[in-house]
N, C-alpha and C. Protein backbone atom coordinates (compact mmCIF):
# COMPACT_ATOMS: atom_id res chain seq x y z
N MET A 1 -22.64 -47.37 19.45
CA MET A 1 -21.83 -47.60 18.27
C MET A 1 -21.44 -49.08 18.26
N ASN A 2 -21.59 -49.73 17.10
CA ASN A 2 -21.25 -51.15 17.06
C ASN A 2 -19.75 -51.35 16.93
N ALA A 3 -19.30 -52.58 17.20
CA ALA A 3 -17.86 -52.88 17.20
C ALA A 3 -17.24 -52.68 15.83
N GLU A 4 -17.99 -53.02 14.75
CA GLU A 4 -17.46 -52.85 13.40
C GLU A 4 -17.20 -51.38 13.10
N LYS A 5 -18.14 -50.50 13.48
CA LYS A 5 -18.00 -49.07 13.26
C LYS A 5 -16.83 -48.51 14.07
N ALA A 6 -16.70 -48.91 15.33
CA ALA A 6 -15.60 -48.44 16.18
C ALA A 6 -14.27 -48.88 15.61
N SER A 7 -14.20 -50.13 15.13
CA SER A 7 -12.96 -50.64 14.54
C SER A 7 -12.60 -49.84 13.30
N SER A 8 -13.61 -49.57 12.46
CA SER A 8 -13.39 -48.80 11.25
C SER A 8 -12.88 -47.40 11.59
N ASP A 9 -13.50 -46.75 12.57
CA ASP A 9 -13.08 -45.42 12.96
C ASP A 9 -11.66 -45.42 13.52
N ALA A 10 -11.33 -46.42 14.31
CA ALA A 10 -9.99 -46.51 14.87
C ALA A 10 -8.95 -46.71 13.77
N LEU A 11 -9.27 -47.53 12.78
CA LEU A 11 -8.34 -47.76 11.67
C LEU A 11 -8.21 -46.51 10.81
N ASP A 12 -9.32 -45.82 10.56
CA ASP A 12 -9.25 -44.56 9.82
C ASP A 12 -8.35 -43.56 10.55
N ARG A 13 -8.50 -43.50 11.85
CA ARG A 13 -7.70 -42.58 12.66
C ARG A 13 -6.21 -42.95 12.57
N ARG A 14 -5.92 -44.24 12.63
CA ARG A 14 -4.52 -44.69 12.48
C ARG A 14 -3.99 -44.35 11.08
N LEU A 15 -4.84 -44.46 10.06
CA LEU A 15 -4.44 -44.13 8.69
C LEU A 15 -4.14 -42.64 8.57
N VAL A 16 -5.00 -41.81 9.12
CA VAL A 16 -4.76 -40.37 9.09
C VAL A 16 -3.46 -40.04 9.82
N ALA A 17 -3.26 -40.63 10.98
CA ALA A 17 -2.03 -40.38 11.75
C ALA A 17 -0.80 -40.82 10.96
N ALA A 18 -0.92 -41.93 10.21
CA ALA A 18 0.22 -42.45 9.45
C ALA A 18 0.53 -41.59 8.23
N THR A 19 -0.44 -40.83 7.74
CA THR A 19 -0.23 -40.04 6.51
C THR A 19 -0.08 -38.55 6.75
N GLN A 20 -0.37 -38.06 7.93
CA GLN A 20 -0.38 -36.61 8.14
C GLN A 20 0.99 -35.96 7.98
N GLY A 21 2.05 -36.72 8.13
CA GLY A 21 3.38 -36.18 7.90
C GLY A 21 3.85 -36.35 6.47
N GLY A 22 3.01 -36.95 5.64
CA GLY A 22 3.35 -37.18 4.23
C GLY A 22 3.30 -38.65 3.90
N LEU A 23 3.09 -38.94 2.64
CA LEU A 23 3.10 -40.32 2.19
C LEU A 23 4.53 -40.83 2.17
N PRO A 24 4.73 -42.14 2.33
CA PRO A 24 6.08 -42.68 2.24
C PRO A 24 6.70 -42.39 0.87
N LEU A 25 7.95 -41.99 0.87
CA LEU A 25 8.66 -41.73 -0.39
C LEU A 25 9.07 -43.07 -0.99
N HIS A 26 8.16 -43.64 -1.72
CA HIS A 26 8.32 -44.98 -2.26
C HIS A 26 7.46 -45.07 -3.51
N SER A 27 7.81 -45.95 -4.45
CA SER A 27 7.02 -46.07 -5.67
C SER A 27 5.63 -46.64 -5.42
N HIS A 28 5.41 -47.29 -4.27
CA HIS A 28 4.10 -47.84 -3.91
C HIS A 28 3.75 -47.43 -2.47
N PRO A 29 3.48 -46.13 -2.26
CA PRO A 29 3.27 -45.65 -0.88
C PRO A 29 2.06 -46.28 -0.19
N TYR A 30 0.99 -46.60 -0.95
CA TYR A 30 -0.20 -47.17 -0.32
C TYR A 30 0.06 -48.60 0.13
N GLN A 31 0.94 -49.28 -0.56
CA GLN A 31 1.33 -50.63 -0.13
C GLN A 31 2.10 -50.55 1.18
N ILE A 32 3.01 -49.61 1.28
CA ILE A 32 3.79 -49.43 2.52
C ILE A 32 2.85 -49.10 3.68
N LEU A 33 1.91 -48.19 3.45
CA LEU A 33 0.94 -47.84 4.50
C LEU A 33 0.11 -49.05 4.89
N GLY A 34 -0.32 -49.81 3.90
CA GLY A 34 -1.11 -51.00 4.18
C GLY A 34 -0.34 -51.99 5.05
N GLU A 35 0.93 -52.18 4.73
CA GLU A 35 1.76 -53.09 5.53
C GLU A 35 1.88 -52.59 6.97
N GLN A 36 2.03 -51.27 7.14
CA GLN A 36 2.12 -50.69 8.48
C GLN A 36 0.84 -50.90 9.28
N LEU A 37 -0.30 -50.86 8.57
CA LEU A 37 -1.60 -50.92 9.24
C LEU A 37 -2.23 -52.30 9.22
N GLY A 38 -1.62 -53.24 8.50
CA GLY A 38 -2.17 -54.59 8.44
C GLY A 38 -3.35 -54.72 7.49
N ILE A 39 -3.40 -53.88 6.46
CA ILE A 39 -4.47 -53.96 5.46
C ILE A 39 -3.84 -53.89 4.07
N SER A 40 -4.63 -54.13 3.04
CA SER A 40 -4.11 -54.09 1.67
C SER A 40 -3.98 -52.64 1.18
N ALA A 41 -3.19 -52.45 0.13
CA ALA A 41 -3.05 -51.14 -0.49
C ALA A 41 -4.41 -50.67 -1.02
N GLU A 42 -5.18 -51.60 -1.55
CA GLU A 42 -6.51 -51.26 -2.07
C GLU A 42 -7.42 -50.73 -0.95
N GLU A 43 -7.30 -51.34 0.23
CA GLU A 43 -8.11 -50.89 1.38
C GLU A 43 -7.67 -49.50 1.83
N VAL A 44 -6.36 -49.23 1.78
CA VAL A 44 -5.86 -47.89 2.11
C VAL A 44 -6.48 -46.87 1.16
N ILE A 45 -6.45 -47.16 -0.12
CA ILE A 45 -6.99 -46.24 -1.13
C ILE A 45 -8.50 -46.06 -0.94
N ARG A 46 -9.21 -47.17 -0.70
CA ARG A 46 -10.65 -47.10 -0.50
C ARG A 46 -11.00 -46.22 0.70
N ARG A 47 -10.28 -46.42 1.79
CA ARG A 47 -10.56 -45.63 3.00
C ARG A 47 -10.23 -44.16 2.79
N LEU A 48 -9.10 -43.86 2.16
CA LEU A 48 -8.76 -42.46 1.90
C LEU A 48 -9.81 -41.82 1.00
N GLN A 49 -10.25 -42.53 -0.04
CA GLN A 49 -11.27 -41.98 -0.94
C GLN A 49 -12.57 -41.73 -0.20
N ARG A 50 -12.97 -42.65 0.66
CA ARG A 50 -14.19 -42.47 1.44
C ARG A 50 -14.07 -41.24 2.35
N MET A 51 -12.91 -41.07 2.97
CA MET A 51 -12.72 -39.90 3.84
C MET A 51 -12.70 -38.61 3.04
N LEU A 52 -12.14 -38.62 1.82
CA LEU A 52 -12.19 -37.45 0.95
C LEU A 52 -13.63 -37.14 0.57
N ASP A 53 -14.36 -38.17 0.13
CA ASP A 53 -15.75 -37.99 -0.32
C ASP A 53 -16.64 -37.46 0.79
N SER A 54 -16.39 -37.88 2.02
CA SER A 54 -17.24 -37.46 3.14
C SER A 54 -16.78 -36.15 3.78
N GLY A 55 -15.60 -35.66 3.38
CA GLY A 55 -15.10 -34.40 3.93
C GLY A 55 -14.29 -34.56 5.21
N VAL A 56 -14.07 -35.80 5.65
CA VAL A 56 -13.24 -36.02 6.84
C VAL A 56 -11.84 -35.48 6.59
N ILE A 57 -11.31 -35.72 5.39
CA ILE A 57 -10.06 -35.09 4.96
C ILE A 57 -10.39 -34.27 3.71
N ARG A 58 -9.68 -33.18 3.52
CA ARG A 58 -10.01 -32.28 2.42
C ARG A 58 -9.24 -32.58 1.15
N ARG A 59 -8.00 -33.01 1.27
CA ARG A 59 -7.23 -33.27 0.06
C ARG A 59 -6.01 -34.10 0.38
N ILE A 60 -5.49 -34.69 -0.67
CA ILE A 60 -4.20 -35.38 -0.62
C ILE A 60 -3.38 -34.74 -1.73
N GLY A 61 -2.27 -34.15 -1.39
CA GLY A 61 -1.49 -33.47 -2.42
C GLY A 61 -0.07 -33.23 -1.97
N ALA A 62 0.75 -32.91 -2.95
CA ALA A 62 2.15 -32.58 -2.68
C ALA A 62 2.25 -31.16 -2.15
N VAL A 63 3.10 -30.96 -1.17
CA VAL A 63 3.37 -29.63 -0.64
C VAL A 63 4.88 -29.40 -0.77
N PRO A 64 5.28 -28.76 -1.88
CA PRO A 64 6.73 -28.59 -2.08
C PRO A 64 7.31 -27.55 -1.13
N ASN A 65 8.57 -27.72 -0.81
CA ASN A 65 9.31 -26.72 -0.06
C ASN A 65 9.90 -25.78 -1.10
N HIS A 66 9.28 -24.63 -1.30
CA HIS A 66 9.68 -23.72 -2.36
C HIS A 66 11.13 -23.27 -2.21
N TYR A 67 11.58 -23.09 -0.99
CA TYR A 67 12.96 -22.65 -0.78
C TYR A 67 13.94 -23.74 -1.20
N ALA A 68 13.61 -24.99 -0.94
CA ALA A 68 14.51 -26.09 -1.29
C ALA A 68 14.66 -26.24 -2.80
N ILE A 69 13.65 -25.81 -3.56
CA ILE A 69 13.75 -25.93 -5.02
C ILE A 69 14.16 -24.61 -5.68
N GLY A 70 14.63 -23.66 -4.88
CA GLY A 70 15.23 -22.45 -5.42
C GLY A 70 14.32 -21.23 -5.49
N TYR A 71 13.07 -21.34 -5.05
CA TYR A 71 12.17 -20.19 -5.06
C TYR A 71 12.27 -19.47 -3.73
N THR A 72 13.08 -18.42 -3.70
CA THR A 72 13.31 -17.71 -2.44
C THR A 72 12.48 -16.43 -2.32
N ALA A 73 11.81 -16.05 -3.41
CA ALA A 73 10.92 -14.89 -3.38
C ALA A 73 9.48 -15.39 -3.49
N ASN A 74 8.64 -14.97 -2.58
CA ASN A 74 7.25 -15.39 -2.56
C ASN A 74 6.38 -14.14 -2.52
N GLY A 75 5.49 -14.02 -3.48
CA GLY A 75 4.64 -12.84 -3.53
C GLY A 75 3.17 -13.21 -3.61
N MET A 76 2.41 -12.71 -2.66
CA MET A 76 0.96 -12.85 -2.72
C MET A 76 0.45 -11.63 -3.48
N SER A 77 -0.04 -11.88 -4.70
CA SER A 77 -0.61 -10.77 -5.46
C SER A 77 -2.07 -10.65 -5.08
N VAL A 78 -2.51 -9.42 -4.88
CA VAL A 78 -3.88 -9.14 -4.47
C VAL A 78 -4.51 -8.22 -5.51
N TRP A 79 -5.75 -8.54 -5.89
CA TRP A 79 -6.37 -7.91 -7.04
C TRP A 79 -7.76 -7.39 -6.70
N ASP A 80 -8.07 -6.23 -7.24
CA ASP A 80 -9.42 -5.68 -7.17
C ASP A 80 -10.06 -5.94 -8.53
N VAL A 81 -10.96 -6.92 -8.56
CA VAL A 81 -11.65 -7.29 -9.80
C VAL A 81 -13.15 -7.25 -9.55
N PRO A 82 -13.95 -7.15 -10.61
CA PRO A 82 -15.41 -7.12 -10.42
C PRO A 82 -15.91 -8.39 -9.74
N ASP A 83 -16.71 -8.22 -8.70
CA ASP A 83 -17.25 -9.36 -7.97
C ASP A 83 -18.04 -10.31 -8.88
N ALA A 84 -18.74 -9.77 -9.85
CA ALA A 84 -19.56 -10.59 -10.74
C ALA A 84 -18.72 -11.51 -11.62
N ARG A 85 -17.43 -11.22 -11.76
CA ARG A 85 -16.57 -12.04 -12.64
C ARG A 85 -15.49 -12.80 -11.86
N ILE A 86 -15.55 -12.75 -10.54
CA ILE A 86 -14.44 -13.29 -9.76
C ILE A 86 -14.24 -14.79 -9.97
N ASP A 87 -15.31 -15.56 -10.10
CA ASP A 87 -15.15 -17.01 -10.30
C ASP A 87 -14.45 -17.29 -11.63
N GLN A 88 -14.90 -16.65 -12.68
CA GLN A 88 -14.29 -16.85 -14.00
C GLN A 88 -12.83 -16.40 -14.00
N LEU A 89 -12.56 -15.22 -13.45
CA LEU A 89 -11.19 -14.71 -13.42
C LEU A 89 -10.30 -15.56 -12.53
N GLY A 90 -10.83 -15.97 -11.38
CA GLY A 90 -10.06 -16.82 -10.48
C GLY A 90 -9.66 -18.14 -11.12
N GLU A 91 -10.57 -18.74 -11.89
CA GLU A 91 -10.24 -19.99 -12.59
C GLU A 91 -9.13 -19.78 -13.59
N ARG A 92 -9.17 -18.66 -14.32
CA ARG A 92 -8.12 -18.38 -15.32
C ARG A 92 -6.77 -18.16 -14.65
N ILE A 93 -6.77 -17.40 -13.56
CA ILE A 93 -5.51 -17.12 -12.86
C ILE A 93 -5.00 -18.39 -12.17
N GLY A 94 -5.89 -19.12 -11.53
CA GLY A 94 -5.49 -20.34 -10.84
C GLY A 94 -4.95 -21.41 -11.77
N ALA A 95 -5.30 -21.35 -13.04
CA ALA A 95 -4.82 -22.33 -14.03
C ALA A 95 -3.40 -22.02 -14.52
N LEU A 96 -2.89 -20.84 -14.22
CA LEU A 96 -1.53 -20.51 -14.65
C LEU A 96 -0.53 -21.40 -13.94
N ASP A 97 0.47 -21.89 -14.67
CA ASP A 97 1.40 -22.85 -14.07
C ASP A 97 2.28 -22.24 -12.98
N PHE A 98 2.37 -20.94 -12.91
CA PHE A 98 3.21 -20.31 -11.89
C PHE A 98 2.41 -19.81 -10.68
N VAL A 99 1.10 -20.03 -10.67
CA VAL A 99 0.27 -19.66 -9.52
C VAL A 99 0.03 -20.91 -8.70
N THR A 100 0.48 -20.91 -7.45
CA THR A 100 0.34 -22.11 -6.62
C THR A 100 -1.00 -22.19 -5.91
N HIS A 101 -1.60 -21.07 -5.61
CA HIS A 101 -2.97 -21.08 -5.11
C HIS A 101 -3.61 -19.73 -5.38
N CYS A 102 -4.92 -19.79 -5.60
CA CYS A 102 -5.68 -18.61 -5.98
C CYS A 102 -7.04 -18.72 -5.31
N TYR A 103 -7.49 -17.64 -4.67
CA TYR A 103 -8.75 -17.73 -3.97
C TYR A 103 -9.40 -16.36 -3.80
N HIS A 104 -10.69 -16.40 -3.51
CA HIS A 104 -11.52 -15.22 -3.28
C HIS A 104 -11.53 -14.91 -1.79
N ARG A 105 -11.37 -13.65 -1.46
CA ARG A 105 -11.47 -13.20 -0.07
C ARG A 105 -12.35 -11.95 -0.05
N PRO A 106 -13.06 -11.73 1.02
CA PRO A 106 -13.91 -10.53 1.08
C PRO A 106 -13.08 -9.25 1.17
N ARG A 107 -13.59 -8.23 0.55
CA ARG A 107 -12.96 -6.91 0.65
C ARG A 107 -13.15 -6.39 2.08
N GLN A 108 -12.28 -5.52 2.52
CA GLN A 108 -12.43 -4.85 3.82
C GLN A 108 -12.35 -3.34 3.56
N LEU A 109 -13.43 -2.83 2.98
CA LEU A 109 -13.47 -1.41 2.60
C LEU A 109 -13.56 -0.53 3.83
N PRO A 110 -12.99 0.66 3.81
CA PRO A 110 -12.38 1.30 2.65
C PRO A 110 -10.88 1.01 2.50
N ASP A 111 -10.29 0.32 3.48
CA ASP A 111 -8.83 0.16 3.48
C ASP A 111 -8.31 -0.95 2.57
N TRP A 112 -9.11 -1.95 2.31
CA TRP A 112 -8.63 -3.13 1.58
C TRP A 112 -9.62 -3.47 0.45
N PRO A 113 -9.36 -3.00 -0.77
CA PRO A 113 -10.30 -3.21 -1.87
C PRO A 113 -10.13 -4.55 -2.60
N TYR A 114 -9.18 -5.35 -2.20
CA TYR A 114 -8.81 -6.55 -2.96
C TYR A 114 -9.70 -7.74 -2.62
N ASN A 115 -10.09 -8.47 -3.66
CA ASN A 115 -10.97 -9.62 -3.46
C ASN A 115 -10.45 -10.90 -4.12
N LEU A 116 -9.37 -10.84 -4.88
CA LEU A 116 -8.79 -12.02 -5.52
C LEU A 116 -7.31 -12.10 -5.14
N PHE A 117 -6.89 -13.25 -4.64
CA PHE A 117 -5.52 -13.44 -4.19
C PHE A 117 -4.88 -14.54 -5.03
N ALA A 118 -3.61 -14.35 -5.42
CA ALA A 118 -2.90 -15.37 -6.20
C ALA A 118 -1.43 -15.41 -5.75
N MET A 119 -0.97 -16.57 -5.29
CA MET A 119 0.39 -16.71 -4.80
C MET A 119 1.32 -17.14 -5.92
N THR A 120 2.45 -16.44 -6.01
CA THR A 120 3.48 -16.78 -6.99
C THR A 120 4.82 -16.90 -6.27
N HIS A 121 5.70 -17.69 -6.86
CA HIS A 121 7.03 -17.90 -6.30
C HIS A 121 8.06 -17.68 -7.40
N GLY A 122 9.24 -17.24 -7.03
CA GLY A 122 10.31 -17.05 -8.00
C GLY A 122 11.66 -17.08 -7.34
N SER A 123 12.68 -17.07 -8.16
CA SER A 123 14.05 -17.06 -7.62
C SER A 123 14.48 -15.65 -7.22
N SER A 124 13.67 -14.64 -7.59
CA SER A 124 13.95 -13.26 -7.19
C SER A 124 12.63 -12.49 -7.15
N ARG A 125 12.67 -11.34 -6.49
CA ARG A 125 11.48 -10.50 -6.47
C ARG A 125 11.09 -10.06 -7.88
N GLN A 126 12.12 -9.79 -8.71
CA GLN A 126 11.82 -9.37 -10.07
C GLN A 126 11.10 -10.46 -10.85
N GLU A 127 11.48 -11.71 -10.64
CA GLU A 127 10.79 -12.81 -11.31
C GLU A 127 9.33 -12.88 -10.87
N VAL A 128 9.08 -12.68 -9.59
CA VAL A 128 7.70 -12.66 -9.09
C VAL A 128 6.95 -11.49 -9.72
N LEU A 129 7.56 -10.31 -9.76
CA LEU A 129 6.90 -9.14 -10.35
C LEU A 129 6.60 -9.35 -11.84
N ASP A 130 7.49 -10.04 -12.54
CA ASP A 130 7.25 -10.34 -13.96
C ASP A 130 6.03 -11.25 -14.11
N LYS A 131 5.90 -12.21 -13.21
CA LYS A 131 4.74 -13.11 -13.25
C LYS A 131 3.46 -12.35 -12.92
N VAL A 132 3.55 -11.44 -11.97
CA VAL A 132 2.38 -10.62 -11.61
C VAL A 132 1.96 -9.76 -12.80
N GLU A 133 2.91 -9.26 -13.56
CA GLU A 133 2.57 -8.48 -14.76
C GLU A 133 1.83 -9.34 -15.78
N GLN A 134 2.18 -10.62 -15.86
CA GLN A 134 1.46 -11.53 -16.75
C GLN A 134 0.01 -11.69 -16.30
N ILE A 135 -0.19 -11.76 -14.99
CA ILE A 135 -1.55 -11.85 -14.47
C ILE A 135 -2.31 -10.57 -14.80
N ALA A 136 -1.67 -9.42 -14.61
CA ALA A 136 -2.33 -8.14 -14.91
C ALA A 136 -2.73 -8.08 -16.38
N ALA A 137 -1.86 -8.55 -17.26
CA ALA A 137 -2.18 -8.55 -18.70
C ALA A 137 -3.36 -9.47 -18.99
N LEU A 138 -3.40 -10.62 -18.32
CA LEU A 138 -4.51 -11.56 -18.51
C LEU A 138 -5.83 -10.97 -18.01
N LEU A 139 -5.79 -10.27 -16.90
CA LEU A 139 -7.00 -9.66 -16.35
C LEU A 139 -7.48 -8.48 -17.19
N GLY A 140 -6.54 -7.77 -17.80
CA GLY A 140 -6.90 -6.65 -18.66
C GLY A 140 -7.73 -5.62 -17.92
N ALA A 141 -8.84 -5.20 -18.57
CA ALA A 141 -9.70 -4.15 -18.01
C ALA A 141 -10.39 -4.58 -16.73
N ASP A 142 -10.44 -5.89 -16.44
CA ASP A 142 -11.05 -6.36 -15.20
C ASP A 142 -10.19 -6.05 -13.98
N CYS A 143 -8.93 -5.69 -14.20
CA CYS A 143 -8.04 -5.34 -13.10
C CYS A 143 -8.18 -3.86 -12.81
N ARG A 144 -8.79 -3.55 -11.66
CA ARG A 144 -8.96 -2.15 -11.28
C ARG A 144 -7.74 -1.65 -10.49
N SER A 145 -7.14 -2.54 -9.70
CA SER A 145 -5.90 -2.24 -9.00
C SER A 145 -5.33 -3.53 -8.43
N TYR A 146 -4.05 -3.48 -8.06
CA TYR A 146 -3.42 -4.66 -7.47
C TYR A 146 -2.19 -4.25 -6.67
N ASP A 147 -1.69 -5.21 -5.91
CA ASP A 147 -0.46 -5.01 -5.14
C ASP A 147 0.18 -6.37 -4.97
N VAL A 148 1.42 -6.38 -4.53
CA VAL A 148 2.13 -7.64 -4.26
C VAL A 148 2.69 -7.55 -2.85
N LEU A 149 2.39 -8.55 -2.05
CA LEU A 149 2.89 -8.63 -0.67
C LEU A 149 3.95 -9.72 -0.63
N PHE A 150 5.18 -9.35 -0.34
CA PHE A 150 6.27 -10.31 -0.32
C PHE A 150 6.46 -10.90 1.08
N SER A 151 6.78 -12.18 1.12
CA SER A 151 7.07 -12.83 2.40
C SER A 151 8.32 -12.22 3.00
N THR A 152 8.30 -12.08 4.32
CA THR A 152 9.47 -11.55 5.01
C THR A 152 10.13 -12.59 5.91
N ARG A 153 9.42 -13.69 6.15
CA ARG A 153 9.99 -14.77 6.94
C ARG A 153 9.28 -16.07 6.59
N ILE A 154 9.93 -17.17 6.93
CA ILE A 154 9.38 -18.49 6.64
C ILE A 154 8.63 -18.98 7.86
N LEU A 155 7.39 -19.39 7.64
CA LEU A 155 6.60 -19.98 8.71
C LEU A 155 6.46 -21.47 8.45
N LYS A 156 6.50 -22.25 9.49
CA LYS A 156 6.33 -23.68 9.35
C LYS A 156 4.88 -23.97 9.01
N LYS A 157 4.67 -24.69 7.90
CA LYS A 157 3.31 -25.02 7.48
C LYS A 157 2.97 -26.44 7.89
N THR A 158 2.01 -26.57 8.77
CA THR A 158 1.52 -27.89 9.15
C THR A 158 0.03 -27.80 9.37
N GLY A 159 -0.62 -28.88 9.12
CA GLY A 159 -2.05 -28.95 9.40
C GLY A 159 -2.27 -29.50 10.78
N LEU A 160 -3.53 -29.74 11.06
CA LEU A 160 -3.90 -30.35 12.33
C LEU A 160 -3.23 -31.71 12.46
N ARG A 161 -2.69 -32.02 13.59
CA ARG A 161 -2.04 -33.29 13.84
C ARG A 161 -2.83 -34.05 14.90
N ILE A 162 -3.09 -35.32 14.61
CA ILE A 162 -3.74 -36.19 15.60
C ILE A 162 -2.81 -37.35 15.88
N SER A 163 -3.02 -38.00 16.99
CA SER A 163 -2.24 -39.20 17.28
C SER A 163 -3.18 -40.40 17.19
N ALA A 164 -2.61 -41.52 16.83
CA ALA A 164 -3.42 -42.74 16.70
C ALA A 164 -3.91 -43.12 18.05
């Protein structure tokens, strides 16, 4: 490995380590990161984009603390929908402003017929159930059955952590 490549990899690693706990809460977070790393804000953005494009990192996004903003009820709605329509239905459900994530999972027959999952949050269980009813109405005849699994405890959400 040449020195330029090793230097680049070391700087990328330092950038990942500097961002894994979140971007700086500042109007110009990439500038702050650049100052910490001794590079320009533009170089920070270029490197992050390259790592996204290559799959080294999967995404950069906000992860809200639902409890801090008043959503104390969390319901994972699970749906039995036709496999042939799951991509189309998943896109429609995932586009709803109250669905935070939506994804396809394999069925585990005969005990688990559900193949589409959609997470909703609310200030009460009833609010979550009302949102789930909206999803059921949107799915219409494509909904063969569903259930809602409510969170019973808060788990700390963190991704893989590396050190510089």
